[in-house]
Amino acid sequence: MRRLSGRFRSSLIIGLQGIRARKLRTLLSMISLFLGVLAVVVVQAGASIAERALLADLEITQGYDGTRVMDMPMEQASTDMLAATVHGRSDAVAMMGVSGIVGEPGVLPVNPGAAPLDQDWGPAMVCNDVGCEPAPGVKGQAVEVRLTALSGDVRKFRPFRTVTGQWLDFSKVPAMSPKLVLNRAAADAFNQYRVPAEMRVGGAAANVTPQFVGVVDDGDMQPRAYVRLDELTTWLPTSRMADPMTGGEMRLLMSPGSPVEPVVVSKLKALGNEPYVYTVESRKDQEKQLTLMRLVFFSMAGLVLLIGVAGILNVGLATVGERVEEFALRRAVGTPRSLLAGIVLAETLLTGLLTAAAAIGAAAAGLKVVTMLVGNSQPILSDVQFPWEAGIAGIIAGLVAGVLGGFIPALRAAGIPIATVMRA
């Protein structure tokens, strides 16, 4: 073991001496290899950042991985039951969506059905037992939003990004004037249309004067406003939220293993409803897409790396050709063939590691510059850190390139006969 350790140490020392003696050739080898290793580092860093960005967007719209989601029909008995069951719970949050129109009373909204402003979902409809027909009236200064009532802080399940203002504060006493937090689509709508601060909700006995307290990014293109359930029920009891005229949605987000789930399922079945329950598995669902993306980019980076390996191979063969007499003399004084091969491999491996360090440093500095330039306009880049996986990939790429580029020169150095020194 000591003998092998001594040979390894000798190879490293002589390899370092060879790099110092041939600085220009080492620099040429590093230049030919730099782009290949840098490509691997950039691809790995880009793949890691893209994966985090993709999962971050999915977490906003669907929830953290492992979150239990229960969708159920919005009916009068169901809304009362769900609100009572999750009241005061920290491991479950109910989301009840109804239609809300903010603006002039007695007019139709500019976006019937809470449609995005750049889309036309058709006219507002009024439905009854006979059928549905266009709603009477004319469009005015009013915007329709999906009003989502929350029983608790939903950000523990869906990490909304705060754009401006503040989020709903569930620790305070409910206000008579409901506080609303808008999503980006709703905020853009109210920036485009200056409407009175009066909101009408289907089923409510009177119009409400809301307070806009913040804007969040929830990943939804539909105008949506979030409100505390206990503030909305001051004007609209839960028993009247199920409005067949406007429709609604009801969802329950729960922590894994929450005791709320079996209770709600049993109560819904007793009411004649069958809920749909599933677990959020965004990473698993996107695994094939992410793997394919990595394969494509790593294939391109591998081609660039092979070009660098060819460059270091050529430099290595030329160097061995110039050092034939040196290696033959070392063989003549008893140096083993394995040590000669180790010297050449040590030089290429050290060159590969130095190149990897330079490529990792360049990539990290480039990411820092990009973050400083566009971090404010791209939230996903605002606090991004250089992925450690990219550094490991760069080191592995440098080592692999060193082995591939130095293997043939090492074999050639080990095969130099002792008689060569006699001819010299």
Protein backbone atom coordinates (compact mmCIF):
# COMPACT_ATOMS: atom_id res chain seq x y z
CA MET A 1 0.00 0.00 0.00
CA ARG A 2 2.89 2.35 0.88
CA ARG A 3 4.61 1.49 -2.41
CA LEU A 4 1.53 2.37 -4.42
CA SER A 5 1.10 5.54 -2.40
CA GLY A 6 4.74 6.48 -3.09
CA ARG A 7 4.34 5.94 -6.82
CA PHE A 8 1.19 8.00 -6.86
CA ARG A 9 2.93 10.81 -5.00
CA SER A 10 5.91 10.61 -7.36
CA SER A 11 3.60 10.78 -10.38
CA LEU A 12 1.92 13.90 -9.02
CA ILE A 13 5.23 15.62 -8.21
CA ILE A 14 6.78 14.87 -11.60
CA GLY A 15 3.51 15.74 -13.32
CA LEU A 16 3.46 19.16 -11.62
CA GLN A 17 7.08 19.69 -12.63
CA GLY A 18 6.16 18.83 -16.23
CA ILE A 19 3.27 21.34 -16.19
CA ARG A 20 5.56 24.07 -14.84
CA ALA A 21 8.23 23.28 -17.41
CA ARG A 22 5.77 23.38 -20.32
CA LYS A 23 3.44 26.24 -19.41
CA LEU A 24 2.55 27.13 -22.99
CA ARG A 25 1.53 23.58 -23.88
CA THR A 26 -0.48 23.31 -20.67
CA LEU A 27 -2.24 26.57 -21.54
CA LEU A 28 -3.04 25.29 -25.04
CA SER A 29 -4.44 22.08 -23.55
CA MET A 30 -6.59 24.07 -21.12
CA ILE A 31 -7.89 26.33 -23.87
CA SER A 32 -8.89 23.35 -26.04
CA LEU A 33 -10.62 21.72 -23.08
CA PHE A 34 -12.11 24.84 -21.48
CA LEU A 35 -15.12 25.19 -23.77
CA GLY A 36 -16.03 21.52 -23.39
CA VAL A 37 -15.95 21.58 -19.59
CA LEU A 38 -17.69 24.96 -19.55
CA ALA A 39 -20.46 23.52 -21.74
CA VAL A 40 -21.02 20.68 -19.26
CA VAL A 41 -21.07 23.10 -16.31
CA VAL A 42 -23.46 25.51 -18.04
CA VAL A 43 -25.79 22.70 -19.13
CA GLN A 44 -25.93 21.24 -15.62
CA ALA A 45 -26.44 24.66 -14.05
CA GLY A 46 -29.10 25.55 -16.62
CA ALA A 47 -30.87 22.22 -16.13
CA SER A 48 -30.88 22.65 -12.35
CA ILE A 49 -32.17 26.23 -12.55
CA ALA A 50 -34.78 25.29 -15.17
CA GLU A 51 -35.94 22.37 -13.02
CA ARG A 52 -36.31 24.60 -9.99
CA ALA A 53 -38.14 27.23 -12.04
CA LEU A 54 -40.51 24.62 -13.48
CA LEU A 55 -41.22 23.09 -10.08
CA ALA A 56 -41.62 26.55 -8.53
CA ASP A 57 -44.31 27.44 -11.07
CA LEU A 58 -46.05 24.11 -10.48
CA GLU A 59 -45.89 24.62 -6.72
CA ILE A 60 -47.64 27.98 -7.09
CA THR A 61 -50.48 26.57 -9.19
CA GLN A 62 -50.80 23.06 -7.74
CA GLY A 63 -49.04 23.03 -4.37
CA TYR A 64 -45.95 21.57 -2.78
CA ASP A 65 -45.14 17.94 -3.51
CA GLY A 66 -46.94 15.71 -1.01
CA THR A 67 -49.91 18.07 -0.53
CA ARG A 68 -53.23 16.25 -0.42
CA VAL A 69 -55.90 17.92 -2.57
CA MET A 70 -59.62 17.24 -2.40
CA ASP A 71 -62.00 18.62 -5.03
CA MET A 72 -65.72 18.48 -4.40
CA PRO A 73 -68.94 19.90 -5.86
CA MET A 74 -70.04 23.20 -4.40
CA GLU A 75 -73.40 22.62 -2.78
CA GLN A 76 -75.17 24.32 0.11
CA ALA A 77 -74.75 21.49 2.61
CA SER A 78 -71.14 20.88 1.54
CA THR A 79 -70.05 24.48 2.05
CA ASP A 80 -71.50 24.62 5.57
CA MET A 81 -69.91 21.28 6.48
CA LEU A 82 -66.47 22.14 5.08
CA ALA A 83 -66.32 25.57 6.72
CA ALA A 84 -67.22 24.09 10.10
CA THR A 85 -64.78 21.16 9.79
CA VAL A 86 -61.66 23.18 8.88
CA HIS A 87 -62.38 26.12 11.19
CA GLY A 88 -59.26 26.82 13.27
CA ARG A 89 -57.25 24.01 11.63
CA SER A 90 -53.62 24.64 10.66
CA ASP A 91 -53.20 21.40 8.68
CA ALA A 92 -55.99 22.09 6.18
CA VAL A 93 -57.20 25.11 4.21
CA ALA A 94 -60.51 25.33 2.37
CA MET A 95 -60.77 27.33 -0.86
CA MET A 96 -64.26 28.36 -2.01
CA GLY A 97 -64.53 30.21 -5.29
CA VAL A 98 -67.50 32.40 -6.24
CA SER A 99 -68.11 35.16 -8.75
CA GLY A 100 -67.45 38.75 -7.73
CA ILE A 101 -68.03 41.87 -9.84
CA VAL A 102 -66.24 45.05 -8.79
CA GLY A 103 -67.40 48.34 -10.28
CA GLU A 104 -70.54 50.20 -11.23
CA PRO A 105 -73.74 48.54 -9.99
CA GLY A 106 -76.32 47.36 -12.48
CA VAL A 107 -73.94 46.90 -15.45
CA LEU A 108 -72.35 43.88 -17.04
CA PRO A 109 -68.60 43.38 -16.51
CA VAL A 110 -66.12 43.98 -19.33
CA ASN A 111 -64.96 40.37 -18.95
CA PRO A 112 -68.00 38.12 -18.40
CA GLY A 113 -67.19 34.91 -16.58
CA ALA A 114 -64.00 36.45 -15.14
CA ALA A 115 -62.30 35.88 -18.49
CA PRO A 116 -58.76 37.19 -19.08
CA LEU A 117 -58.93 40.61 -20.71
CA ASP A 118 -57.28 39.36 -23.89
CA GLN A 119 -59.81 36.54 -24.31
CA ASP A 120 -63.51 36.48 -25.17
CA TRP A 121 -65.50 33.79 -23.38
CA GLY A 122 -68.79 34.95 -24.80
CA PRO A 123 -71.60 37.01 -23.23
CA ALA A 124 -72.71 36.79 -19.62
CA MET A 125 -75.38 34.11 -19.24
CA VAL A 126 -78.35 33.70 -16.93
CA CYS A 127 -79.44 30.13 -16.23
CA ASN A 128 -82.66 28.75 -14.78
CA ASP A 129 -84.63 25.50 -14.82
CA VAL A 130 -85.54 26.05 -18.47
CA GLY A 131 -82.05 26.79 -19.77
CA CYS A 132 -79.52 29.58 -20.21
CA GLU A 133 -79.79 32.86 -22.08
CA PRO A 134 -77.64 36.01 -22.40
CA ALA A 135 -77.94 38.30 -19.39
CA PRO A 136 -79.78 41.58 -19.98
CA GLY A 137 -77.94 44.85 -19.63
CA VAL A 138 -74.96 46.68 -21.09
CA LYS A 139 -71.27 46.52 -20.29
CA GLY A 140 -69.96 49.25 -18.03
CA GLN A 141 -67.07 50.09 -15.76
CA ALA A 142 -66.99 46.79 -13.91
CA VAL A 143 -64.54 43.87 -13.76
CA GLU A 144 -65.47 40.31 -12.83
CA VAL A 145 -63.06 38.23 -10.75
CA ARG A 146 -63.10 34.77 -9.27
CA LEU A 147 -63.44 35.54 -5.58
CA THR A 148 -61.64 32.81 -3.62
CA ALA A 149 -62.46 32.64 0.08
CA LEU A 150 -59.76 31.05 2.27
CA SER A 151 -60.25 29.48 5.68
CA GLY A 152 -56.53 29.95 6.50
CA ASP A 153 -53.17 30.88 5.09
CA VAL A 154 -52.92 28.91 1.85
CA ARG A 155 -49.25 29.82 1.32
CA LYS A 156 -48.15 26.86 3.44
CA PHE A 157 -49.41 24.71 0.55
CA ARG A 158 -49.08 27.06 -2.44
CA PRO A 159 -46.16 29.52 -2.15
CA PHE A 160 -47.64 32.62 -3.77
CA ARG A 161 -45.04 35.27 -4.60
CA THR A 162 -45.88 38.68 -3.20
CA VAL A 163 -45.63 41.33 -5.93
CA THR A 164 -46.67 44.35 -3.91
CA GLY A 165 -48.51 45.17 -0.71
CA GLN A 166 -49.17 42.45 1.85
CA TRP A 167 -50.91 39.10 2.20
CA LEU A 168 -54.07 38.42 4.17
CA ASP A 169 -53.54 38.49 7.93
CA PHE A 170 -55.51 35.66 9.54
CA SER A 171 -54.37 36.55 13.07
CA LYS A 172 -56.53 39.68 13.33
CA VAL A 173 -60.24 40.09 13.97
CA PRO A 174 -62.30 39.90 10.74
CA ALA A 175 -62.96 43.31 9.20
CA MET A 176 -66.39 44.47 8.10
CA SER A 177 -64.87 45.68 4.84
CA PRO A 178 -63.28 42.58 3.29
CA LYS A 179 -59.60 42.86 2.41
CA LEU A 180 -58.75 41.51 -1.05
CA VAL A 181 -55.43 40.34 -2.43
CA LEU A 182 -55.41 40.33 -6.23
CA ASN A 183 -53.45 38.17 -8.59
CA ARG A 184 -51.48 39.70 -11.46
CA ALA A 185 -54.32 39.29 -13.97
CA ALA A 186 -56.81 41.06 -11.69
CA ALA A 187 -54.32 43.82 -10.89
CA ASP A 188 -53.76 44.44 -14.62
CA ALA A 189 -57.52 44.58 -15.16
CA PHE A 190 -58.02 47.20 -12.44
CA ASN A 191 -55.07 49.20 -13.77
CA GLN A 192 -56.70 49.25 -17.19
CA TYR A 193 -60.23 50.00 -15.96
CA ARG A 194 -60.78 52.55 -13.22
CA VAL A 195 -63.88 51.24 -11.45
CA PRO A 196 -65.72 52.23 -8.25
CA ALA A 197 -64.78 50.28 -5.12
CA GLU A 198 -68.08 48.43 -4.90
CA MET A 199 -68.37 44.67 -5.19
CA ARG A 200 -71.45 42.57 -5.72
CA VAL A 201 -71.40 38.84 -5.03
CA GLY A 202 -74.13 36.46 -6.08
CA GLY A 203 -76.27 35.56 -3.08
CA ALA A 204 -75.14 38.50 -0.90
CA ALA A 205 -77.87 40.70 0.57
CA ALA A 206 -75.99 43.93 -0.20
CA ASN A 207 -72.99 45.16 -2.14
CA VAL A 208 -69.63 45.22 -0.38
CA THR A 209 -66.90 47.87 -0.24
CA PRO A 210 -63.64 45.91 -0.53
CA GLN A 211 -60.09 46.96 0.34
CA PHE A 212 -57.25 46.05 -2.01
CA VAL A 213 -54.23 45.31 0.19
CA GLY A 214 -51.81 43.45 -2.08
CA VAL A 215 -50.96 41.68 -5.31
CA VAL A 216 -49.53 38.17 -5.63
CA ASP A 217 -48.37 35.90 -8.42
CA ASP A 218 -50.52 32.76 -8.29
CA GLY A 219 -49.77 31.50 -11.80
CA ASP A 220 -53.41 31.95 -12.88
CA MET A 221 -54.28 33.84 -16.08
CA GLN A 222 -57.85 34.38 -14.87
CA PRO A 223 -58.52 37.51 -12.75
CA ARG A 224 -58.78 36.27 -9.18
CA ALA A 225 -59.05 37.87 -5.75
CA TYR A 226 -58.38 36.18 -2.41
CA VAL A 227 -60.34 37.02 0.72
CA ARG A 228 -60.66 35.64 4.23
CA LEU A 229 -63.63 33.31 4.51
CA ASP A 230 -64.73 34.79 7.83
CA GLU A 231 -64.74 38.30 6.31
CA LEU A 232 -66.75 37.23 3.28
CA THR A 233 -69.31 35.32 5.35
CA THR A 234 -70.19 38.58 7.13
CA TRP A 235 -71.98 39.50 3.89
CA LEU A 236 -72.44 36.10 2.29
CA PRO A 237 -73.17 33.11 4.54
CA THR A 238 -71.54 29.83 3.50
CA SER A 239 -74.98 28.33 2.94
CA ARG A 240 -75.57 30.84 0.11
CA MET A 241 -72.20 30.50 -1.63
CA ALA A 242 -73.44 27.64 -3.81
CA ASP A 243 -75.08 29.80 -6.45
CA PRO A 244 -76.36 27.73 -9.41
CA MET A 245 -76.52 30.91 -11.50
CA THR A 246 -72.77 31.64 -11.39
CA GLY A 247 -71.26 28.31 -10.37
CA GLY A 248 -68.31 27.90 -8.06
CA GLU A 249 -65.44 25.68 -7.06
CA MET A 250 -64.49 24.17 -3.74
CA ARG A 251 -61.14 22.65 -2.88
CA LEU A 252 -59.46 21.45 0.29
CA LEU A 253 -55.66 21.46 0.70
CA MET A 254 -54.28 19.25 3.46
CA SER A 255 -50.99 18.15 4.95
CA PRO A 256 -50.10 14.47 4.43
CA GLY A 257 -51.78 12.32 7.09
CA SER A 258 -54.14 15.07 8.20
CA PRO A 259 -57.12 13.71 10.21
CA VAL A 260 -59.33 16.18 8.36
CA GLU A 261 -59.34 14.08 5.20
CA PRO A 262 -61.26 11.00 6.44
CA VAL A 263 -63.71 13.21 8.34
CA VAL A 264 -64.54 15.33 5.28
CA VAL A 265 -64.75 12.27 3.00
CA SER A 266 -67.19 10.55 5.37
CA LYS A 267 -69.37 13.64 5.67
CA LEU A 268 -69.44 14.21 1.91
CA LYS A 269 -70.44 10.61 1.27
CA ALA A 270 -73.18 10.99 3.84
CA LEU A 271 -74.43 13.98 1.83
CA GLY A 272 -74.38 11.91 -1.35
CA ASN A 273 -71.20 13.44 -2.83
CA GLU A 274 -68.08 11.60 -3.95
CA PRO A 275 -64.92 13.74 -3.59
CA TYR A 276 -61.86 13.45 -5.80
CA VAL A 277 -58.69 13.19 -3.71
CA TYR A 278 -55.12 13.09 -5.01
CA THR A 279 -51.55 13.86 -3.96
CA VAL A 280 -49.48 16.53 -5.67
CA GLU A 281 -46.46 14.86 -7.31
CA SER A 282 -45.10 17.54 -9.63
CA ARG A 283 -41.52 16.25 -9.68
CA LYS A 284 -42.63 12.74 -10.54
CA ASP A 285 -45.01 13.96 -13.24
CA GLN A 286 -42.30 16.08 -14.87
CA GLU A 287 -39.47 13.54 -14.47
CA LYS A 288 -39.59 12.31 -18.08
CA GLN A 289 -39.61 15.83 -19.47
CA LEU A 290 -36.70 16.88 -17.25
CA THR A 291 -34.71 13.75 -18.09
CA LEU A 292 -35.21 14.26 -21.83
CA MET A 293 -34.15 17.89 -21.51
CA ARG A 294 -30.95 16.87 -19.71
CA LEU A 295 -30.14 14.17 -22.27
CA VAL A 296 -30.48 16.57 -25.20
CA PHE A 297 -28.30 19.28 -23.68
CA PHE A 298 -25.73 16.90 -22.23
CA SER A 299 -25.38 15.26 -25.65
CA MET A 300 -24.50 18.61 -27.19
CA ALA A 301 -22.13 19.41 -24.32
CA GLY A 302 -20.52 15.98 -24.73
CA LEU A 303 -19.70 16.71 -28.37
CA VAL A 304 -17.98 19.95 -27.38
CA LEU A 305 -16.12 18.09 -24.63
CA LEU A 306 -14.91 15.45 -27.11
CA ILE A 307 -13.40 18.22 -29.24
CA GLY A 308 -11.51 19.38 -26.17
CA VAL A 309 -10.39 15.81 -25.43
CA ALA A 310 -9.03 15.55 -28.99
CA GLY A 311 -7.07 18.75 -28.42
CA ILE A 312 -5.52 17.57 -25.16
CA LEU A 313 -4.79 14.19 -26.79
CA ASN A 314 -2.85 15.84 -29.60
CA VAL A 315 -0.89 17.99 -27.18
CA GLY A 316 -0.17 14.94 -25.02
CA LEU A 317 1.12 12.87 -27.94
CA ALA A 318 3.33 15.75 -29.07
CA THR A 319 4.69 16.14 -25.55
CA VAL A 320 5.49 12.43 -25.24
CA GLY A 321 7.24 12.56 -28.60
CA GLU A 322 9.48 15.35 -27.34
CA ARG A 323 10.23 13.49 -24.09
CA VAL A 324 11.14 10.11 -25.57
CA GLU A 325 14.78 10.36 -24.42
CA GLU A 326 13.70 11.48 -20.92
CA PHE A 327 11.32 8.54 -20.49
CA ALA A 328 13.87 6.09 -21.95
CA LEU A 329 16.48 7.35 -19.49
CA ARG A 330 14.06 6.93 -16.61
CA ARG A 331 13.39 3.37 -17.77
CA ALA A 332 17.16 2.77 -17.89
CA VAL A 333 17.57 3.76 -14.22
CA GLY A 334 14.75 1.44 -13.13
CA THR A 335 11.58 3.52 -13.33
CA PRO A 336 8.58 1.17 -13.76
CA ARG A 337 6.42 1.47 -16.84
CA SER A 338 3.39 2.11 -14.60
CA LEU A 339 5.11 5.15 -13.11
CA LEU A 340 5.85 6.57 -16.56
CA ALA A 341 2.22 6.12 -17.51
CA GLY A 342 1.23 7.68 -14.18
CA ILE A 343 3.37 10.75 -14.87
CA VAL A 344 1.63 11.41 -18.19
CA LEU A 345 -1.82 10.72 -16.72
CA ALA A 346 -1.06 12.96 -13.73
CA GLU A 347 -0.24 15.84 -16.08
CA THR A 348 -3.46 15.45 -18.07
CA LEU A 349 -5.55 14.93 -14.95
CA LEU A 350 -4.12 18.02 -13.30
CA THR A 351 -4.70 19.94 -16.52
CA GLY A 352 -8.30 18.72 -16.53
CA LEU A 353 -8.83 19.76 -12.91
CA LEU A 354 -7.33 23.20 -13.50
CA THR A 355 -9.56 23.61 -16.54
CA ALA A 356 -12.59 22.48 -14.53
CA ALA A 357 -11.80 25.04 -11.81
CA ALA A 358 -11.53 27.80 -14.43
CA ALA A 359 -14.79 26.73 -16.12
CA ILE A 360 -16.68 26.53 -12.81
CA GLY A 361 -15.40 29.96 -11.80
CA ALA A 362 -16.37 31.46 -15.16
CA ALA A 363 -19.85 29.92 -14.99
CA ALA A 364 -20.42 31.10 -11.41
CA ALA A 365 -19.26 34.62 -12.29
CA GLY A 366 -21.46 34.65 -15.40
CA LEU A 367 -24.50 33.59 -13.38
CA LYS A 368 -23.77 36.33 -10.85
CA VAL A 369 -23.62 38.94 -13.61
CA VAL A 370 -26.87 37.69 -15.19
CA THR A 371 -28.55 37.77 -11.78
CA MET A 372 -27.46 41.36 -11.22
CA LEU A 373 -28.63 42.47 -14.67
CA VAL A 374 -32.02 40.73 -15.00
CA GLY A 375 -32.75 39.52 -11.48
CA ASN A 376 -35.28 42.29 -10.84
CA SER A 377 -37.30 41.52 -13.98
CA GLN A 378 -37.10 37.73 -13.57
CA PRO A 379 -38.17 36.70 -10.04
CA ILE A 380 -36.81 33.16 -10.48
CA LEU A 381 -33.30 34.65 -10.86
CA SER A 382 -33.53 37.12 -8.00
CA ASP A 383 -32.10 34.82 -5.32
CA VAL A 384 -30.68 32.01 -7.44
CA GLN A 385 -27.44 30.41 -6.27
CA PHE A 386 -24.89 28.57 -8.37
CA PRO A 387 -25.98 24.88 -8.24
CA TRP A 388 -23.48 22.61 -6.52
CA GLU A 389 -24.44 19.90 -9.01
CA ALA A 390 -22.91 22.01 -11.77
CA GLY A 391 -19.61 22.21 -9.89
CA ILE A 392 -19.51 18.45 -9.40
CA ALA A 393 -20.37 17.91 -13.07
CA GLY A 394 -17.49 20.22 -14.07
CA ILE A 395 -14.99 18.34 -11.88
CA ILE A 396 -16.14 14.99 -13.27
CA ALA A 397 -15.94 16.33 -16.83
CA GLY A 398 -12.38 17.58 -16.21
CA LEU A 399 -11.29 14.24 -14.77
CA VAL A 400 -12.91 12.25 -17.58
CA ALA A 401 -11.34 14.51 -20.17
CA GLY A 402 -7.96 14.14 -18.47
CA VAL A 403 -8.20 10.35 -18.49
CA LEU A 404 -9.42 10.14 -22.10
CA GLY A 405 -6.90 12.67 -23.33
CA GLY A 406 -3.98 11.16 -21.45
CA PHE A 407 -4.66 7.43 -21.78
CA ILE A 408 -3.08 6.93 -25.23
CA PRO A 409 -0.07 9.19 -24.50
CA ALA A 410 0.42 7.29 -21.22
CA LEU A 411 0.45 3.96 -23.04
CA ARG A 412 2.93 5.34 -25.54
CA ALA A 413 5.19 6.63 -22.76
CA ALA A 414 5.05 3.29 -20.95
CA GLY A 415 5.97 1.47 -24.17
CA ILE A 416 9.17 3.42 -24.90
CA PRO A 417 12.06 0.89 -24.96
CA ILE A 418 15.24 1.39 -22.94
CA ALA A 419 17.33 1.13 -26.14
CA THR A 420 16.03 4.52 -27.22
CA VAL A 421 18.42 6.23 -24.83
CA MET A 422 21.33 4.38 -26.43
CA ARG A 423 20.36 5.67 -29.88
CA ALA A 424 20.09 9.16 -28.49
